[in-house]
Amino acid sequence: MTIKEKLNILEDLLDIEKDTLSEDTRLEDISEWDSIAVISTIAMFDNLFGKIITSEEIKDFKTVKDITDKME
């Protein structure tokens, strides 16, 4: 899966305009990054990647790259 595809998944998840995220984007700078986004991210990892990820792991994420790196 390409970086672009991963970014598109996150943009869909956060319901934000395409091509607005980069791997350098800080999560704290995304107004849509809230508790619902965290829950949606956990579900996305389970559904799309078959990975169980905890809210504690997500708390350690600082940038979009932290999320895309886990999308393996």
C-alpha atoms as a PDB file:
ATOM      1  CA  MET A   1       0.000   0.000   0.000  1.00  0.00           C
ATOM      2  CA  THR A   2       1.396   3.384  -0.963  1.00  0.00           C
ATOM      3  CA  ILE A   3       1.705   6.393   1.312  1.00  0.00           C
ATOM      4  CA  LYS A   4      -0.915   8.145  -0.825  1.00  0.00           C
ATOM      5  CA  GLU A   5      -3.377   5.292  -0.275  1.00  0.00           C
ATOM      6  CA  LYS A   6      -2.729   5.376   3.474  1.00  0.00           C
ATOM      7  CA  LEU A   7      -3.247   9.142   3.571  1.00  0.00           C
ATOM      8  CA  ASN A   8      -6.494   8.737   1.606  1.00  0.00           C
ATOM      9  CA  ILE A   9      -7.755   6.216   4.169  1.00  0.00           C
ATOM     10  CA  LEU A  10      -7.031   8.667   6.982  1.00  0.00           C
ATOM     11  CA  GLU A  11      -8.629  11.564   5.121  1.00  0.00           C
ATOM     12  CA  ASP A  12     -11.767   9.461   4.610  1.00  0.00           C
ATOM     13  CA  LEU A  13     -11.721   8.390   8.248  1.00  0.00           C
ATOM     14  CA  LEU A  14     -11.463  11.988   9.445  1.00  0.00           C
ATOM     15  CA  ASP A  15     -13.897  13.223   6.779  1.00  0.00           C
ATOM     16  CA  ILE A  16     -11.485  15.861   5.535  1.00  0.00           C
ATOM     17  CA  GLU A  17     -10.665  17.059   2.040  1.00  0.00           C
ATOM     18  CA  LYS A  18      -8.423  14.863  -0.093  1.00  0.00           C
ATOM     19  CA  ASP A  19      -4.751  15.771  -0.334  1.00  0.00           C
ATOM     20  CA  THR A  20      -4.764  17.814   2.877  1.00  0.00           C
ATOM     21  CA  LEU A  21      -2.696  15.442   4.999  1.00  0.00           C
ATOM     22  CA  SER A  22       0.985  14.705   4.782  1.00  0.00           C
ATOM     23  CA  GLU A  23       3.074  12.431   6.937  1.00  0.00           C
ATOM     24  CA  ASP A  24       4.479  15.502   8.666  1.00  0.00           C
ATOM     25  CA  THR A  25       1.040  16.729   9.748  1.00  0.00           C
ATOM     26  CA  ARG A  26       0.854  16.890  13.521  1.00  0.00           C
ATOM     27  CA  LEU A  27      -2.266  15.269  14.927  1.00  0.00           C
ATOM     28  CA  GLU A  28      -2.770  18.165  17.344  1.00  0.00           C
ATOM     29  CA  ASP A  29      -3.109  20.446  14.296  1.00  0.00           C
ATOM     30  CA  ILE A  30      -6.033  18.458  12.867  1.00  0.00           C
ATOM     31  CA  SER A  31      -9.274  19.822  14.302  1.00  0.00           C
ATOM     32  CA  GLU A  32     -11.059  16.568  13.389  1.00  0.00           C
ATOM     33  CA  TRP A  33      -8.641  14.527  15.527  1.00  0.00           C
ATOM     34  CA  ASP A  34     -10.817  13.916  18.582  1.00  0.00           C
ATOM     35  CA  SER A  35     -12.040  11.012  20.712  1.00  0.00           C
ATOM     36  CA  ILE A  36     -14.343   9.801  17.927  1.00  0.00           C
ATOM     37  CA  ALA A  37     -11.397   9.819  15.503  1.00  0.00           C
ATOM     38  CA  VAL A  38      -9.384   7.742  17.968  1.00  0.00           C
ATOM     39  CA  ILE A  39     -12.163   5.145  18.196  1.00  0.00           C
ATOM     40  CA  SER A  40     -12.534   5.163  14.407  1.00  0.00           C
ATOM     41  CA  THR A  41      -8.774   4.658  14.038  1.00  0.00           C
ATOM     42  CA  ILE A  42      -8.866   1.655  16.365  1.00  0.00           C
ATOM     43  CA  ALA A  43     -11.735   0.173  14.314  1.00  0.00           C
ATOM     44  CA  MET A  44      -9.937   0.926  11.038  1.00  0.00           C
ATOM     45  CA  PHE A  45      -6.813  -0.944  12.148  1.00  0.00           C
ATOM     46  CA  ASP A  46      -8.925  -3.944  13.136  1.00  0.00           C
ATOM     47  CA  ASN A  47     -11.103  -3.965   9.996  1.00  0.00           C
ATOM     48  CA  LEU A  48      -8.557  -3.091   7.307  1.00  0.00           C
ATOM     49  CA  PHE A  49      -5.316  -4.450   8.727  1.00  0.00           C
ATOM     50  CA  GLY A  50      -6.401  -7.116  11.212  1.00  0.00           C
ATOM     51  CA  LYS A  51      -4.408  -5.365  13.929  1.00  0.00           C
ATOM     52  CA  ILE A  52      -5.485  -4.675  17.461  1.00  0.00           C
ATOM     53  CA  ILE A  53      -4.276  -1.257  18.548  1.00  0.00           C
ATOM     54  CA  THR A  54      -4.992   0.288  21.918  1.00  0.00           C
ATOM     55  CA  SER A  55      -5.903   3.818  22.863  1.00  0.00           C
ATOM     56  CA  GLU A  56      -2.637   3.897  24.814  1.00  0.00           C
ATOM     57  CA  GLU A  57      -0.699   3.270  21.602  1.00  0.00           C
ATOM     58  CA  ILE A  58      -2.667   5.989  19.842  1.00  0.00           C
ATOM     59  CA  LYS A  59      -1.848   8.448  22.630  1.00  0.00           C
ATOM     60  CA  ASP A  60       1.812   8.025  21.655  1.00  0.00           C
ATOM     61  CA  PHE A  61       1.076   9.058  18.057  1.00  0.00           C
ATOM     62  CA  LYS A  62       2.219  12.615  17.351  1.00  0.00           C
ATOM     63  CA  THR A  63       2.138  12.835  13.549  1.00  0.00           C
ATOM     64  CA  VAL A  64       0.271  11.237  10.672  1.00  0.00           C
ATOM     65  CA  LYS A  65       3.471   9.277   9.939  1.00  0.00           C
ATOM     66  CA  ASP A  66       3.122   7.526  13.288  1.00  0.00           C
ATOM     67  CA  ILE A  67      -0.212   6.172  12.072  1.00  0.00           C
ATOM     68  CA  THR A  68       0.872   5.321   8.530  1.00  0.00           C
ATOM     69  CA  ASP A  69       3.919   3.455   9.846  1.00  0.00           C
ATOM     70  CA  LYS A  70       1.537   1.105  11.709  1.00  0.00           C
ATOM     71  CA  MET A  71      -0.486   0.458   8.537  1.00  0.00           C
ATOM     72  CA  GLU A  72       1.600  -2.505   7.392  1.00  0.00           C
END
